[in-house]
């Protein structure tokens, strides 16, 4: 099953990341679980670029769901372009997407995944409406 990616997304962050030897498995390609690590890394980079810590004290942006559509195998040597974009912003949640492509073929998606992020009050462990200071950071 493939998850449908909406066309309406806004690019908010981009970074390059090398594929490491340790990312590969016994089959000689990047293990599918590592794609989720790549997405987590770029998502954390985006959150910190907004001026927030990934795990502040009483409130935070946390992932509630995640997925990945795999289109091609990746292997060493290689370097990825990871692009973070956002979709719909709800009252307490936000859809975040990460597309992955090799720097040698930047127009060919190797994978695209996503996550629903929620603003959470960590003292009650419940979702909360986005604070105005967060909404102001979103395009």
C-alpha atoms as a PDB file:
ATOM      1  CA  UNK A   1       0.000   0.000   0.000  1.00  0.00           C
ATOM      2  CA  UNK A   2       1.302   3.440  -0.892  1.00  0.00           C
ATOM      3  CA  UNK A   3       0.306   6.549   0.985  1.00  0.00           C
ATOM      4  CA  UNK A   4      -0.902   9.352  -1.282  1.00  0.00           C
ATOM      5  CA  UNK A   5       1.200  12.492  -0.921  1.00  0.00           C
ATOM      6  CA  UNK A   6      -0.720  15.748  -1.374  1.00  0.00           C
ATOM      7  CA  UNK A   7       0.420  18.160  -4.062  1.00  0.00           C
ATOM      8  CA  UNK A   8      -0.250  21.107  -1.741  1.00  0.00           C
ATOM      9  CA  UNK A   9       2.912  21.216   0.374  1.00  0.00           C
ATOM     10  CA  UNK A  10       5.268  24.025   1.353  1.00  0.00           C
ATOM     11  CA  UNK A  11       9.022  23.424   1.432  1.00  0.00           C
ATOM     12  CA  UNK A  12      10.347  24.513   4.834  1.00  0.00           C
ATOM     13  CA  UNK A  13      13.792  22.922   5.186  1.00  0.00           C
ATOM     14  CA  UNK A  14      16.503  21.165   3.180  1.00  0.00           C
ATOM     15  CA  UNK A  15      19.721  19.420   4.144  1.00  0.00           C
ATOM     16  CA  UNK A  16      22.232  16.983   2.689  1.00  0.00           C
ATOM     17  CA  UNK A  17      23.283  13.806   4.461  1.00  0.00           C
ATOM     18  CA  UNK A  18      25.834  11.162   3.476  1.00  0.00           C
ATOM     19  CA  UNK A  19      24.792   7.527   3.290  1.00  0.00           C
ATOM     20  CA  UNK A  20      27.002   5.704   5.778  1.00  0.00           C
ATOM     21  CA  UNK A  21      28.393   2.185   5.468  1.00  0.00           C
ATOM     22  CA  UNK A  22      26.592   1.245   8.697  1.00  0.00           C
ATOM     23  CA  UNK A  23      23.233   2.239   7.151  1.00  0.00           C
ATOM     24  CA  UNK A  24      23.358  -0.812   4.892  1.00  0.00           C
ATOM     25  CA  UNK A  25      22.169  -4.294   5.725  1.00  0.00           C
ATOM     26  CA  UNK A  26      23.270  -7.784   4.666  1.00  0.00           C
ATOM     27  CA  UNK A  27      21.591  -7.284   1.276  1.00  0.00           C
ATOM     28  CA  UNK A  28      23.967  -4.420   0.462  1.00  0.00           C
ATOM     29  CA  UNK A  29      21.396  -1.629   0.473  1.00  0.00           C
ATOM     30  CA  UNK A  30      20.168   0.900   3.035  1.00  0.00           C
ATOM     31  CA  UNK A  31      17.892  -0.923   5.452  1.00  0.00           C
ATOM     32  CA  UNK A  32      14.287   0.287   5.329  1.00  0.00           C
ATOM     33  CA  UNK A  33      14.346   1.251   9.017  1.00  0.00           C
ATOM     34  CA  UNK A  34      17.158   3.722   8.304  1.00  0.00           C
ATOM     35  CA  UNK A  35      14.917   5.783   6.015  1.00  0.00           C
ATOM     36  CA  UNK A  36      12.891   6.575   9.153  1.00  0.00           C
ATOM     37  CA  UNK A  37      16.093   7.674  10.914  1.00  0.00           C
ATOM     38  CA  UNK A  38      16.858   9.993   7.995  1.00  0.00           C
ATOM     39  CA  UNK A  39      13.350  11.484   8.269  1.00  0.00           C
ATOM     40  CA  UNK A  40      13.694  11.890  12.031  1.00  0.00           C
ATOM     41  CA  UNK A  41      17.059  13.617  11.653  1.00  0.00           C
ATOM     42  CA  UNK A  42      15.852  16.177   9.112  1.00  0.00           C
ATOM     43  CA  UNK A  43      12.609  16.757  11.046  1.00  0.00           C
ATOM     44  CA  UNK A  44      14.649  17.478  14.208  1.00  0.00           C
ATOM     45  CA  UNK A  45      16.915  19.814  12.210  1.00  0.00           C
ATOM     46  CA  UNK A  46      13.836  21.677  10.961  1.00  0.00           C
ATOM     47  CA  UNK A  47      12.346  21.981  14.470  1.00  0.00           C
ATOM     48  CA  UNK A  48      15.617  23.322  15.897  1.00  0.00           C
ATOM     49  CA  UNK A  49      15.937  25.730  12.941  1.00  0.00           C
ATOM     50  CA  UNK A  50      12.678  27.272  14.175  1.00  0.00           C
ATOM     51  CA  UNK A  51      14.367  27.989  17.499  1.00  0.00           C
ATOM     52  CA  UNK A  52      12.825  25.123  19.474  1.00  0.00           C
ATOM     53  CA  UNK A  53      14.475  22.289  21.312  1.00  0.00           C
ATOM     54  CA  UNK A  54      13.405  18.836  20.223  1.00  0.00           C
ATOM     55  CA  UNK A  55      12.447  17.927  23.822  1.00  0.00           C
ATOM     56  CA  UNK A  56      11.781  21.071  25.860  1.00  0.00           C
ATOM     57  CA  UNK A  57      10.361  20.984  29.378  1.00  0.00           C
ATOM     58  CA  UNK A  58       6.558  21.258  29.480  1.00  0.00           C
ATOM     59  CA  UNK A  59       5.501  21.245  25.831  1.00  0.00           C
ATOM     60  CA  UNK A  60       6.811  19.888  22.582  1.00  0.00           C
ATOM     61  CA  UNK A  61       6.075  18.894  19.002  1.00  0.00           C
ATOM     62  CA  UNK A  62       5.798  15.078  18.963  1.00  0.00           C
ATOM     63  CA  UNK A  63       5.208  12.555  16.202  1.00  0.00           C
ATOM     64  CA  UNK A  64       1.935  10.613  16.360  1.00  0.00           C
ATOM     65  CA  UNK A  65       2.067   8.636  13.079  1.00  0.00           C
ATOM     66  CA  UNK A  66       4.663   7.930  10.406  1.00  0.00           C
ATOM     67  CA  UNK A  67       5.018   6.228   7.029  1.00  0.00           C
ATOM     68  CA  UNK A  68       7.421   5.845   4.101  1.00  0.00           C
ATOM     69  CA  UNK A  69       6.929   5.095   0.400  1.00  0.00           C
ATOM     70  CA  UNK A  70      10.091   3.429  -0.976  1.00  0.00           C
ATOM     71  CA  UNK A  71      10.859   3.967  -4.671  1.00  0.00           C
ATOM     72  CA  UNK A  72      14.488   2.868  -5.105  1.00  0.00           C
ATOM     73  CA  UNK A  73      17.249   1.168  -3.177  1.00  0.00           C
ATOM     74  CA  UNK A  74      20.071   3.267  -1.764  1.00  0.00           C
ATOM     75  CA  UNK A  75      23.646   2.194  -1.066  1.00  0.00           C
ATOM     76  CA  UNK A  76      27.119   3.512  -0.254  1.00  0.00           C
ATOM     77  CA  UNK A  77      28.607   5.633  -1.717  1.00  0.00           C
ATOM     78  CA  UNK A  78      25.974   8.299  -1.909  1.00  0.00           C
ATOM     79  CA  UNK A  79      24.703  11.544  -0.490  1.00  0.00           C
ATOM     80  CA  UNK A  80      21.059  12.421   0.013  1.00  0.00           C
ATOM     81  CA  UNK A  81      19.114  15.632  -0.376  1.00  0.00           C
ATOM     82  CA  UNK A  82      16.411  15.588   2.296  1.00  0.00           C
ATOM     83  CA  UNK A  83      13.603  18.091   1.840  1.00  0.00           C
ATOM     84  CA  UNK A  84      11.033  18.792   4.541  1.00  0.00           C
ATOM     85  CA  UNK A  85       7.679  20.189   3.563  1.00  0.00           C
ATOM     86  CA  UNK A  86       4.470  20.743   5.455  1.00  0.00           C
ATOM     87  CA  UNK A  87       0.897  20.091   4.463  1.00  0.00           C
ATOM     88  CA  UNK A  88      -2.281  20.749   6.353  1.00  0.00           C
ATOM     89  CA  UNK A  89      -2.025  22.547   9.683  1.00  0.00           C
ATOM     90  CA  UNK A  90      -4.834  21.596  12.026  1.00  0.00           C
ATOM     91  CA  UNK A  91      -5.781  22.899  15.458  1.00  0.00           C
ATOM     92  CA  UNK A  92      -3.379  20.500  17.241  1.00  0.00           C
ATOM     93  CA  UNK A  93      -1.603  18.630  14.441  1.00  0.00           C
ATOM     94  CA  UNK A  94       0.536  19.215  11.376  1.00  0.00           C
ATOM     95  CA  UNK A  95       1.461  16.951   8.448  1.00  0.00           C
ATOM     96  CA  UNK A  96       5.210  16.921   7.717  1.00  0.00           C
ATOM     97  CA  UNK A  97       6.725  15.211   4.646  1.00  0.00           C
ATOM     98  CA  UNK A  98      10.315  14.286   3.832  1.00  0.00           C
ATOM     99  CA  UNK A  99      11.436  13.550   0.296  1.00  0.00           C
ATOM    100  CA  UNK A 100      14.772  11.844  -0.323  1.00  0.00           C
ATOM    101  CA  UNK A 101      16.848  11.948  -3.492  1.00  0.00           C
ATOM    102  CA  UNK A 102      20.490  11.322  -4.298  1.00  0.00           C
ATOM    103  CA  UNK A 103      22.532  14.453  -4.953  1.00  0.00           C
ATOM    104  CA  UNK A 104      23.602  12.872  -8.256  1.00  0.00           C
ATOM    105  CA  UNK A 105      19.942  12.580  -9.373  1.00  0.00           C
ATOM    106  CA  UNK A 106      18.099  15.287  -7.411  1.00  0.00           C
ATOM    107  CA  UNK A 107      14.932  15.066  -9.516  1.00  0.00           C
ATOM    108  CA  UNK A 108      14.441  11.332  -8.872  1.00  0.00           C
ATOM    109  CA  UNK A 109      12.763  10.579  -5.555  1.00  0.00           C
ATOM    110  CA  UNK A 110      14.271   7.577  -3.789  1.00  0.00           C
ATOM    111  CA  UNK A 111      11.573   7.719  -1.095  1.00  0.00           C
ATOM    112  CA  UNK A 112       9.078  10.041   0.486  1.00  0.00           C
ATOM    113  CA  UNK A 113       7.688   9.693   3.942  1.00  0.00           C
ATOM    114  CA  UNK A 114       5.703  11.649   6.372  1.00  0.00           C
ATOM    115  CA  UNK A 115       4.572  12.143   9.914  1.00  0.00           C
ATOM    116  CA  UNK A 116       1.721  13.737  11.716  1.00  0.00           C
ATOM    117  CA  UNK A 117       3.167  15.993  14.385  1.00  0.00           C
ATOM    118  CA  UNK A 118       1.179  17.170  17.379  1.00  0.00           C
ATOM    119  CA  UNK A 119       1.715  19.921  19.915  1.00  0.00           C
ATOM    120  CA  UNK A 120       1.653  18.163  23.285  1.00  0.00           C
ATOM    121  CA  UNK A 121       1.404  19.404  26.856  1.00  0.00           C
ATOM    122  CA  UNK A 122       3.949  17.069  28.438  1.00  0.00           C
ATOM    123  CA  UNK A 123       2.606  17.603  31.954  1.00  0.00           C
ATOM    124  CA  UNK A 124      -0.806  16.155  30.994  1.00  0.00           C
ATOM    125  CA  UNK A 125       0.402  14.051  28.004  1.00  0.00           C
ATOM    126  CA  UNK A 126      -2.451  15.451  25.904  1.00  0.00           C
ATOM    127  CA  UNK A 127      -2.482  17.291  22.618  1.00  0.00           C
ATOM    128  CA  UNK A 128      -2.938  21.034  22.839  1.00  0.00           C
ATOM    129  CA  UNK A 129      -3.723  23.776  20.319  1.00  0.00           C
ATOM    130  CA  UNK A 130      -0.700  25.201  18.517  1.00  0.00           C
ATOM    131  CA  UNK A 131       0.669  28.166  20.452  1.00  0.00           C
ATOM    132  CA  UNK A 132       0.638  31.418  18.527  1.00  0.00           C
ATOM    133  CA  UNK A 133       4.468  31.577  18.630  1.00  0.00           C
ATOM    134  CA  UNK A 134       4.621  28.240  16.731  1.00  0.00           C
ATOM    135  CA  UNK A 135       1.957  29.218  14.180  1.00  0.00           C
ATOM    136  CA  UNK A 136       3.934  32.393  13.439  1.00  0.00           C
ATOM    137  CA  UNK A 137       6.947  30.232  12.476  1.00  0.00           C
ATOM    138  CA  UNK A 138       4.958  28.197   9.937  1.00  0.00           C
ATOM    139  CA  UNK A 139       4.646  29.449   6.350  1.00  0.00           C
END
